[in-house]
Amino acid sequence: FADNIGQKMVQAGFDVCVNPFGTLYNPLSILKALE
């Protein structure tokens, strides 16, 4: 769903970076990606 909304934001011209590690599913992997 982050990919879906992120792509909509890209198409709408927002300054956005979407899932630079690819799709992430669980909370801990998202935290590790941010780190």
Full PDB file with SEQRES, HELIX, SHEET, SSBOND, CRYST1, ORIGX, SCALE, CONECT and MASTER records, all heavy atoms in Angstrom:
SEQRES   1 A   35  PHE ALA ASP ASN ILE GLY GLN LYS MET VAL GLN ALA GLY          
SEQRES   2 A   35  PHE ASP VAL CYS VAL ASN PRO PHE GLY THR LEU TYR ASN          
SEQRES   3 A   35  PRO LEU SER ILE LEU LYS ALA LEU GLU                          
HELIX    1 AA1 ALA A    2  GLN A   11  1                                  10    
HELIX    2 AA2 PRO A   27  LEU A   34  1                                   8    
CRYST1    1.000    1.000    1.000  90.00  90.00  90.00 P 1           1          
ORIGX1      1.000000  0.000000  0.000000        0.00000                         
ORIGX2      0.000000  1.000000  0.000000        0.00000                         
ORIGX3      0.000000  0.000000  1.000000        0.00000                         
SCALE1      1.000000  0.000000  0.000000        0.00000                         
SCALE2      0.000000  1.000000  0.000000        0.00000                         
SCALE3      0.000000  0.000000  1.000000        0.00000                         
ATOM      1  N   PHE A   1       0.833  -1.199   0.000  1.00  0.00           N  
ATOM      2  CA  PHE A   1       0.000   0.000   0.000  1.00  0.00           C  
ATOM      3  C   PHE A   1       0.871   1.253   0.000  1.00  0.00           C  
ATOM      4  O   PHE A   1       0.486   2.281  -0.585  1.00  0.00           O  
ATOM      5  CB  PHE A   1      -0.936   0.002   1.205  1.00  0.00           C  
ATOM      6  CG  PHE A   1      -1.867   1.183   1.238  1.00  0.00           C  
ATOM      7  CD1 PHE A   1      -2.863   1.314   0.278  1.00  0.00           C  
ATOM      8  CD2 PHE A   1      -1.749   2.154   2.206  1.00  0.00           C  
ATOM      9  CE1 PHE A   1      -3.718   2.402   0.301  1.00  0.00           C  
ATOM     10  CE2 PHE A   1      -2.598   3.239   2.234  1.00  0.00           C  
ATOM     11  CZ  PHE A   1      -3.589   3.367   1.284  1.00  0.00           C  
ATOM     12  N   ALA A   2       2.053   1.190   0.620  1.00  0.00           N  
ATOM     13  CA  ALA A   2       2.998   2.308   0.550  1.00  0.00           C  
ATOM     14  C   ALA A   2       3.447   2.522  -0.885  1.00  0.00           C  
ATOM     15  O   ALA A   2       3.588   3.666  -1.352  1.00  0.00           O  
ATOM     16  CB  ALA A   2       4.204   2.043   1.453  1.00  0.00           C  
ATOM     17  N   ASP A   3       3.673   1.424  -1.621  1.00  0.00           N  
ATOM     18  CA  ASP A   3       4.015   1.535  -3.039  1.00  0.00           C  
ATOM     19  C   ASP A   3       2.881   2.205  -3.812  1.00  0.00           C  
ATOM     20  O   ASP A   3       3.120   3.068  -4.665  1.00  0.00           O  
ATOM     21  CB  ASP A   3       4.285   0.148  -3.633  1.00  0.00           C  
ATOM     22  CG  ASP A   3       5.539  -0.503  -3.068  1.00  0.00           C  
ATOM     23  OD1 ASP A   3       6.498   0.217  -2.777  1.00  0.00           O  
ATOM     24  OD2 ASP A   3       5.537  -1.737  -2.933  1.00  0.00           O  
ATOM     25  N   ASN A   4       1.628   1.802  -3.528  1.00  0.00           N  
ATOM     26  CA  ASN A   4       0.469   2.361  -4.229  1.00  0.00           C  
ATOM     27  C   ASN A   4       0.351   3.872  -4.005  1.00  0.00           C  
ATOM     28  O   ASN A   4       0.259   4.648  -4.964  1.00  0.00           O  
ATOM     29  CB  ASN A   4      -0.824   1.687  -3.764  1.00  0.00           C  
ATOM     30  CG  ASN A   4      -0.921   0.216  -4.116  1.00  0.00           C  
ATOM     31  OD1 ASN A   4      -1.521  -0.558  -3.385  1.00  0.00           O  
ATOM     32  ND2 ASN A   4      -0.327  -0.179  -5.219  1.00  0.00           N  
ATOM     33  N   ILE A   5       0.366   4.263  -2.739  1.00  0.00           N  
ATOM     34  CA  ILE A   5       0.201   5.686  -2.407  1.00  0.00           C  
ATOM     35  C   ILE A   5       1.432   6.477  -2.829  1.00  0.00           C  
ATOM     36  O   ILE A   5       1.325   7.606  -3.325  1.00  0.00           O  
ATOM     37  CB  ILE A   5      -0.086   5.856  -0.905  1.00  0.00           C  
ATOM     38  CG1 ILE A   5      -1.461   5.268  -0.564  1.00  0.00           C  
ATOM     39  CG2 ILE A   5      -0.022   7.323  -0.494  1.00  0.00           C  
ATOM     40  CD1 ILE A   5      -2.621   5.916  -1.302  1.00  0.00           C  
ATOM     41  N   GLY A   6       2.611   5.885  -2.642  1.00  0.00           N  
ATOM     42  CA  GLY A   6       3.841   6.559  -3.044  1.00  0.00           C  
ATOM     43  C   GLY A   6       3.861   6.848  -4.532  1.00  0.00           C  
ATOM     44  O   GLY A   6       4.277   7.933  -4.963  1.00  0.00           O  
ATOM     45  N   GLN A   7       3.402   5.890  -5.345  1.00  0.00           N  
ATOM     46  CA  GLN A   7       3.365   6.108  -6.788  1.00  0.00           C  
ATOM     47  C   GLN A   7       2.376   7.203  -7.156  1.00  0.00           C  
ATOM     48  O   GLN A   7       2.623   8.007  -8.066  1.00  0.00           O  
ATOM     49  CB  GLN A   7       3.000   4.803  -7.502  1.00  0.00           C  
ATOM     50  CG  GLN A   7       3.160   4.848  -9.014  1.00  0.00           C  
ATOM     51  CD  GLN A   7       4.584   5.202  -9.432  1.00  0.00           C  
ATOM     52  OE1 GLN A   7       5.559   4.782  -8.827  1.00  0.00           O  
ATOM     53  NE2 GLN A   7       4.695   6.025 -10.471  1.00  0.00           N  
ATOM     54  N   LYS A   8       1.258   7.256  -6.442  1.00  0.00           N  
ATOM     55  CA  LYS A   8       0.294   8.334  -6.658  1.00  0.00           C  
ATOM     56  C   LYS A   8       0.927   9.693  -6.350  1.00  0.00           C  
ATOM     57  O   LYS A   8       0.683  10.681  -7.059  1.00  0.00           O  
ATOM     58  CB  LYS A   8      -0.934   8.123  -5.773  1.00  0.00           C  
ATOM     59  CG  LYS A   8      -1.864   7.023  -6.243  1.00  0.00           C  
ATOM     60  CD  LYS A   8      -2.614   7.460  -7.482  1.00  0.00           C  
ATOM     61  CE  LYS A   8      -3.657   6.452  -7.895  1.00  0.00           C  
ATOM     62  NZ  LYS A   8      -4.328   6.853  -9.155  1.00  0.00           N  
ATOM     63  N   MET A   9       1.754   9.740  -5.322  1.00  0.00           N  
ATOM     64  CA  MET A   9       2.408  10.990  -4.950  1.00  0.00           C  
ATOM     65  C   MET A   9       3.430  11.398  -6.010  1.00  0.00           C  
ATOM     66  O   MET A   9       3.564  12.584  -6.329  1.00  0.00           O  
ATOM     67  CB  MET A   9       3.062  10.845  -3.577  1.00  0.00           C  
ATOM     68  CG  MET A   9       2.067  10.609  -2.458  1.00  0.00           C  
ATOM     69  SD  MET A   9       2.843  10.441  -0.837  1.00  0.00           S  
ATOM     70  CE  MET A   9       3.218  12.154  -0.493  1.00  0.00           C  
ATOM     71  N   VAL A  10       4.153  10.423  -6.532  1.00  0.00           N  
ATOM     72  CA  VAL A  10       5.103  10.709  -7.618  1.00  0.00           C  
ATOM     73  C   VAL A  10       4.358  11.297  -8.810  1.00  0.00           C  
ATOM     74  O   VAL A  10       4.765  12.320  -9.385  1.00  0.00           O  
ATOM     75  CB  VAL A  10       5.855   9.427  -8.025  1.00  0.00           C  
ATOM     76  CG1 VAL A  10       6.659   9.664  -9.296  1.00  0.00           C  
ATOM     77  CG2 VAL A  10       6.780   8.963  -6.899  1.00  0.00           C  
ATOM     78  N   GLN A  11       3.254  10.662  -9.195  1.00  0.00           N  
ATOM     79  CA  GLN A  11       2.474  11.109 -10.346  1.00  0.00           C  
ATOM     80  C   GLN A  11       1.887  12.497 -10.137  1.00  0.00           C  
ATOM     81  O   GLN A  11       1.702  13.259 -11.097  1.00  0.00           O  
ATOM     82  CB  GLN A  11       1.359  10.106 -10.637  1.00  0.00           C  
ATOM     83  CG  GLN A  11       1.857   8.737 -11.077  1.00  0.00           C  
ATOM     84  CD  GLN A  11       0.767   7.687 -11.097  1.00  0.00           C  
ATOM     85  OE1 GLN A  11      -0.412   7.974 -10.812  1.00  0.00           O  
ATOM     86  NE2 GLN A  11       1.126   6.457 -11.440  1.00  0.00           N  
ATOM     87  N   ALA A  12       1.611  12.837  -8.871  1.00  0.00           N  
ATOM     88  CA  ALA A  12       1.016  14.135  -8.548  1.00  0.00           C  
ATOM     89  C   ALA A  12       2.070  15.225  -8.337  1.00  0.00           C  
ATOM     90  O   ALA A  12       1.709  16.354  -7.998  1.00  0.00           O  
ATOM     91  CB  ALA A  12       0.126  14.011  -7.316  1.00  0.00           C  
ATOM     92  N   GLY A  13       3.348  14.879  -8.497  1.00  0.00           N  
ATOM     93  CA  GLY A  13       4.390  15.893  -8.462  1.00  0.00           C  
ATOM     94  C   GLY A  13       4.936  16.239  -7.099  1.00  0.00           C  
ATOM     95  O   GLY A  13       5.615  17.270  -6.942  1.00  0.00           O  
ATOM     96  N   PHE A  14       4.698  15.385  -6.088  1.00  0.00           N  
ATOM     97  CA  PHE A  14       5.275  15.636  -4.763  1.00  0.00           C  
ATOM     98  C   PHE A  14       6.763  15.297  -4.760  1.00  0.00           C  
ATOM     99  O   PHE A  14       7.232  14.478  -5.570  1.00  0.00           O  
ATOM    100  CB  PHE A  14       4.561  14.790  -3.704  1.00  0.00           C  
ATOM    101  CG  PHE A  14       3.183  15.282  -3.358  1.00  0.00           C  
ATOM    102  CD1 PHE A  14       2.071  14.791  -4.018  1.00  0.00           C  
ATOM    103  CD2 PHE A  14       2.996  16.223  -2.362  1.00  0.00           C  
ATOM    104  CE1 PHE A  14       0.800  15.232  -3.718  1.00  0.00           C  
ATOM    105  CE2 PHE A  14       1.717  16.677  -2.035  1.00  0.00           C  
ATOM    106  CZ  PHE A  14       0.622  16.180  -2.711  1.00  0.00           C  
ATOM    107  N   ASP A  15       7.509  15.906  -3.858  1.00  0.00           N  
ATOM    108  CA  ASP A  15       8.922  15.594  -3.657  1.00  0.00           C  
ATOM    109  C   ASP A  15       8.981  14.395  -2.710  1.00  0.00           C  
ATOM    110  O   ASP A  15       8.867  14.540  -1.494  1.00  0.00           O  
ATOM    111  CB  ASP A  15       9.640  16.804  -3.054  1.00  0.00           C  
ATOM    112  CG  ASP A  15      11.159  16.622  -3.003  1.00  0.00           C  
ATOM    113  OD1 ASP A  15      11.653  15.572  -3.454  1.00  0.00           O  
ATOM    114  OD2 ASP A  15      11.834  17.534  -2.484  1.00  0.00           O  
ATOM    115  N   VAL A  16       9.135  13.198  -3.269  1.00  0.00           N  
ATOM    116  CA  VAL A  16       8.916  11.979  -2.492  1.00  0.00           C  
ATOM    117  C   VAL A  16       9.955  10.918  -2.846  1.00  0.00           C  
ATOM    118  O   VAL A  16      10.420  10.828  -3.980  1.00  0.00           O  
ATOM    119  CB  VAL A  16       7.472  11.455  -2.731  1.00  0.00           C  
ATOM    120  CG1 VAL A  16       7.243  11.135  -4.182  1.00  0.00           C  
ATOM    121  CG2 VAL A  16       7.146  10.265  -1.856  1.00  0.00           C  
ATOM    122  N   CYS A  17      10.322  10.123  -1.846  1.00  0.00           N  
ATOM    123  CA  CYS A  17      11.180   8.951  -2.020  1.00  0.00           C  
ATOM    124  C   CYS A  17      10.384   7.746  -1.527  1.00  0.00           C  
ATOM    125  O   CYS A  17       9.922   7.733  -0.373  1.00  0.00           O  
ATOM    126  CB  CYS A  17      12.477   9.108  -1.228  1.00  0.00           C  
ATOM    127  SG  CYS A  17      13.559   7.660  -1.238  1.00  0.00           S  
ATOM    128  N   VAL A  18      10.222   6.734  -2.388  1.00  0.00           N  
ATOM    129  CA  VAL A  18       9.343   5.606  -2.076  1.00  0.00           C  
ATOM    130  C   VAL A  18      10.139   4.315  -1.961  1.00  0.00           C  
ATOM    131  O   VAL A  18      10.814   3.896  -2.909  1.00  0.00           O  
ATOM    132  CB  VAL A  18       8.251   5.447  -3.160  1.00  0.00           C  
ATOM    133  CG1 VAL A  18       7.294   4.318  -2.793  1.00  0.00           C  
ATOM    134  CG2 VAL A  18       7.496   6.746  -3.364  1.00  0.00           C  
ATOM    135  N   ASN A  19      10.087   3.693  -0.795  1.00  0.00           N  
ATOM    136  CA  ASN A  19      10.634   2.351  -0.550  1.00  0.00           C  
ATOM    137  C   ASN A  19      11.991   2.108  -1.219  1.00  0.00           C  
ATOM    138  O   ASN A  19      12.109   1.285  -2.141  1.00  0.00           O  
ATOM    139  CB  ASN A  19       9.632   1.286  -0.999  1.00  0.00           C  
ATOM    140  CG  ASN A  19       8.650   0.913   0.093  1.00  0.00           C  
ATOM    141  OD1 ASN A  19       8.887   1.162   1.276  1.00  0.00           O  
ATOM    142  ND2 ASN A  19       7.550   0.305  -0.275  1.00  0.00           N  
ATOM    143  N   PRO A  20      13.042   2.780  -0.736  1.00  0.00           N  
ATOM    144  CA  PRO A  20      14.362   2.612  -1.355  1.00  0.00           C  
ATOM    145  C   PRO A  20      14.993   1.235  -1.131  1.00  0.00           C  
ATOM    146  O   PRO A  20      16.024   0.932  -1.743  1.00  0.00           O  
ATOM    147  CB  PRO A  20      15.193   3.708  -0.682  1.00  0.00           C  
ATOM    148  CG  PRO A  20      14.506   3.978   0.613  1.00  0.00           C  
ATOM    149  CD  PRO A  20      13.046   3.790   0.336  1.00  0.00           C  
ATOM    150  N   PHE A  21      14.389   0.385  -0.284  1.00  0.00           N  
ATOM    151  CA  PHE A  21      14.816  -0.998  -0.133  1.00  0.00           C  
ATOM    152  C   PHE A  21      13.808  -1.957  -0.770  1.00  0.00           C  
ATOM    153  O   PHE A  21      13.935  -3.168  -0.630  1.00  0.00           O  
ATOM    154  CB  PHE A  21      14.986  -1.366   1.340  1.00  0.00           C  
ATOM    155  CG  PHE A  21      16.028  -0.546   2.059  1.00  0.00           C  
ATOM    156  CD1 PHE A  21      15.663   0.508   2.882  1.00  0.00           C  
ATOM    157  CD2 PHE A  21      17.375  -0.819   1.897  1.00  0.00           C  
ATOM    158  CE1 PHE A  21      16.607   1.270   3.524  1.00  0.00           C  
ATOM    159  CE2 PHE A  21      18.341  -0.064   2.551  1.00  0.00           C  
ATOM    160  CZ  PHE A  21      17.960   0.990   3.359  1.00  0.00           C  
ATOM    161  N   GLY A  22      12.803  -1.413  -1.431  1.00  0.00           N  
ATOM    162  CA  GLY A  22      11.709  -2.229  -1.925  1.00  0.00           C  
ATOM    163  C   GLY A  22      10.636  -2.368  -0.852  1.00  0.00           C  
ATOM    164  O   GLY A  22      10.731  -1.803   0.241  1.00  0.00           O  
ATOM    165  N   THR A  23       9.618  -3.134  -1.145  1.00  0.00           N  
ATOM    166  CA  THR A  23       8.478  -3.294  -0.245  1.00  0.00           C  
ATOM    167  C   THR A  23       8.908  -3.936   1.074  1.00  0.00           C  
ATOM    168  O   THR A  23       9.619  -4.942   1.092  1.00  0.00           O  
ATOM    169  CB  THR A  23       7.407  -4.177  -0.912  1.00  0.00           C  
ATOM    170  OG1 THR A  23       7.145  -3.679  -2.228  1.00  0.00           O  
ATOM    171  CG2 THR A  23       6.129  -4.169  -0.112  1.00  0.00           C  
ATOM    172  N   LEU A  24       8.455  -3.336   2.180  1.00  0.00           N  
ATOM    173  CA  LEU A  24       8.748  -3.842   3.523  1.00  0.00           C  
ATOM    174  C   LEU A  24       7.435  -4.119   4.234  1.00  0.00           C  
ATOM    175  O   LEU A  24       6.500  -3.320   4.148  1.00  0.00           O  
ATOM    176  CB  LEU A  24       9.559  -2.808   4.322  1.00  0.00           C  
ATOM    177  CG  LEU A  24      10.902  -2.378   3.713  1.00  0.00           C  
ATOM    178  CD1 LEU A  24      11.486  -1.201   4.493  1.00  0.00           C  
ATOM    179  CD2 LEU A  24      11.880  -3.537   3.690  1.00  0.00           C  
ATOM    180  N   TYR A  25       7.376  -5.218   4.959  1.00  0.00           N  
ATOM    181  CA  TYR A  25       6.096  -5.656   5.492  1.00  0.00           C  
ATOM    182  C   TYR A  25       5.951  -5.507   7.003  1.00  0.00           C  
ATOM    183  O   TYR A  25       4.891  -5.127   7.485  1.00  0.00           O  
ATOM    184  CB  TYR A  25       5.851  -7.128   5.106  1.00  0.00           C  
ATOM    185  CG  TYR A  25       5.853  -7.348   3.620  1.00  0.00           C  
ATOM    186  CD1 TYR A  25       6.992  -7.819   2.963  1.00  0.00           C  
ATOM    187  CD2 TYR A  25       4.724  -7.071   2.855  1.00  0.00           C  
ATOM    188  CE1 TYR A  25       7.002  -8.004   1.590  1.00  0.00           C  
ATOM    189  CE2 TYR A  25       4.716  -7.263   1.479  1.00  0.00           C  
ATOM    190  CZ  TYR A  25       5.863  -7.725   0.852  1.00  0.00           C  
ATOM    191  OH  TYR A  25       5.879  -7.902  -0.509  1.00  0.00           O  
ATOM    192  N   ASN A  26       6.986  -5.820   7.759  1.00  0.00           N  
ATOM    193  CA  ASN A  26       6.837  -5.846   9.212  1.00  0.00           C  
ATOM    194  C   ASN A  26       7.463  -4.619   9.863  1.00  0.00           C  
ATOM    195  O   ASN A  26       8.373  -3.992   9.294  1.00  0.00           O  
ATOM    196  CB  ASN A  26       7.427  -7.147   9.785  1.00  0.00           C  
ATOM    197  CG  ASN A  26       8.943  -7.166   9.720  1.00  0.00           C  
ATOM    198  OD1 ASN A  26       9.624  -6.528  10.526  1.00  0.00           O  
ATOM    199  ND2 ASN A  26       9.501  -7.891   8.753  1.00  0.00           N  
ATOM    200  N   PRO A  27       7.016  -4.239  11.061  1.00  0.00           N  
ATOM    201  CA  PRO A  27       7.480  -3.007  11.708  1.00  0.00           C  
ATOM    202  C   PRO A  27       8.985  -2.971  11.967  1.00  0.00           C  
ATOM    203  O   PRO A  27       9.616  -1.924  11.802  1.00  0.00           O  
ATOM    204  CB  PRO A  27       6.709  -2.992  13.033  1.00  0.00           C  
ATOM    205  CG  PRO A  27       5.512  -3.839  12.794  1.00  0.00           C  
ATOM    206  CD  PRO A  27       5.942  -4.902  11.835  1.00  0.00           C  
ATOM    207  N   LEU A  28       9.582  -4.098  12.372  1.00  0.00           N  
ATOM    208  CA  LEU A  28      10.998  -4.077  12.715  1.00  0.00           C  
ATOM    209  C   LEU A  28      11.865  -3.849  11.475  1.00  0.00           C  
ATOM    210  O   LEU A  28      12.867  -3.126  11.525  1.00  0.00           O  
ATOM    211  CB  LEU A  28      11.409  -5.369  13.419  1.00  0.00           C  
ATOM    212  CG  LEU A  28      12.834  -5.372  13.990  1.00  0.00           C  
ATOM    213  CD1 LEU A  28      13.045  -4.211  14.966  1.00  0.00           C  
ATOM    214  CD2 LEU A  28      13.148  -6.699  14.679  1.00  0.00           C  
ATOM    215  N   SER A  29      11.498  -4.428  10.357  1.00  0.00           N  
ATOM    216  CA  SER A  29      12.258  -4.208   9.124  1.00  0.00           C  
ATOM    217  C   SER A  29      12.187  -2.744   8.690  1.00  0.00           C  
ATOM    218  O   SER A  29      13.150  -2.189   8.149  1.00  0.00           O  
ATOM    219  CB  SER A  29      11.738  -5.121   8.008  1.00  0.00           C  
ATOM    220  OG  SER A  29      12.067  -6.471   8.273  1.00  0.00           O  
ATOM    221  N   ILE A  30      11.055  -2.098   8.938  1.00  0.00           N  
ATOM    222  CA  ILE A  30      10.925  -0.676   8.618  1.00  0.00           C  
ATOM    223  C   ILE A  30      11.832   0.152   9.522  1.00  0.00           C  
ATOM    224  O   ILE A  30      12.523   1.075   9.060  1.00  0.00           O  
ATOM    225  CB  ILE A  30       9.455  -0.235   8.738  1.00  0.00           C  
ATOM    226  CG1 ILE A  30       8.619  -0.936   7.658  1.00  0.00           C  
ATOM    227  CG2 ILE A  30       9.325   1.287   8.619  1.00  0.00           C  
ATOM    228  CD1 ILE A  30       7.123  -0.739   7.803  1.00  0.00           C  
ATOM    229  N   LEU A  31      11.876  -0.181  10.811  1.00  0.00           N  
ATOM    230  CA  LEU A  31      12.783   0.516  11.725  1.00  0.00           C  
ATOM    231  C   LEU A  31      14.232   0.328  11.300  1.00  0.00           C  
ATOM    232  O   LEU A  31      15.015   1.295  11.261  1.00  0.00           O  
ATOM    233  CB  LEU A  31      12.580   0.005  13.155  1.00  0.00           C  
ATOM    234  CG  LEU A  31      13.587   0.504  14.213  1.00  0.00           C  
ATOM    235  CD1 LEU A  31      13.589   2.024  14.294  1.00  0.00           C  
ATOM    236  CD2 LEU A  31      13.303  -0.124  15.570  1.00  0.00           C  
ATOM    237  N   LYS A  32      14.622  -0.899  10.963  1.00  0.00           N  
ATOM    238  CA  LYS A  32      16.002  -1.168  10.548  1.00  0.00           C  
ATOM    239  C   LYS A  32      16.350  -0.418   9.258  1.00  0.00           C  
ATOM    240  O   LYS A  32      17.472   0.066   9.081  1.00  0.00           O  
ATOM    241  CB  LYS A  32      16.216  -2.672  10.363  1.00  0.00           C  
ATOM    242  CG  LYS A  32      16.123  -3.488  11.655  1.00  0.00           C  
ATOM    243  CD  LYS A  32      17.167  -3.049  12.661  1.00  0.00           C  
ATOM    244  CE  LYS A  32      17.104  -3.868  13.933  1.00  0.00           C  
ATOM    245  NZ  LYS A  32      18.078  -3.379  14.946  1.00  0.00           N  
ATOM    246  N   ALA A  33      15.369  -0.321   8.347  1.00  0.00           N  
ATOM    247  CA  ALA A  33      15.595   0.423   7.110  1.00  0.00           C  
ATOM    248  C   ALA A  33      15.851   1.896   7.406  1.00  0.00           C  
ATOM    249  O   ALA A  33      16.745   2.523   6.816  1.00  0.00           O  
ATOM    250  CB  ALA A  33      14.396   0.266   6.180  1.00  0.00           C  
ATOM    251  N   LEU A  34      15.090   2.467   8.330  1.00  0.00           N  
ATOM    252  CA  LEU A  34      15.286   3.867   8.712  1.00  0.00           C  
ATOM    253  C   LEU A  34      16.660   4.072   9.337  1.00  0.00           C  
ATOM    254  O   LEU A  34      17.338   5.076   9.066  1.00  0.00           O  
ATOM    255  CB  LEU A  34      14.185   4.313   9.662  1.00  0.00           C  
ATOM    256  CG  LEU A  34      12.851   4.684   9.006  1.00  0.00           C  
ATOM    257  CD1 LEU A  34      11.742   4.756  10.039  1.00  0.00           C  
ATOM    258  CD2 LEU A  34      12.971   6.008   8.265  1.00  0.00           C  
ATOM    259  N   GLU A  35      17.073   3.125  10.171  1.00  0.00           N  
ATOM    260  CA  GLU A  35      18.407   3.224  10.775  1.00  0.00           C  
ATOM    261  C   GLU A  35      19.490   3.198   9.704  1.00  0.00           C  
ATOM    262  O   GLU A  35      20.482   3.939   9.785  1.00  0.00           O  
ATOM    263  CB  GLU A  35      18.603   2.091  11.785  1.00  0.00           C  
ATOM    264  CG  GLU A  35      17.746   2.220  13.036  1.00  0.00           C  
ATOM    265  CD  GLU A  35      17.821   1.015  13.954  1.00  0.00           C  
ATOM    266  OE1 GLU A  35      18.347  -0.043  13.523  1.00  0.00           O  
ATOM    267  OE2 GLU A  35      17.345   1.108  15.102  1.00  0.00           O  
TER     268      GLU A  35                                                      
MASTER        0    0    0    2    0    0    0    6  267    1    0    3          
END                                                                             
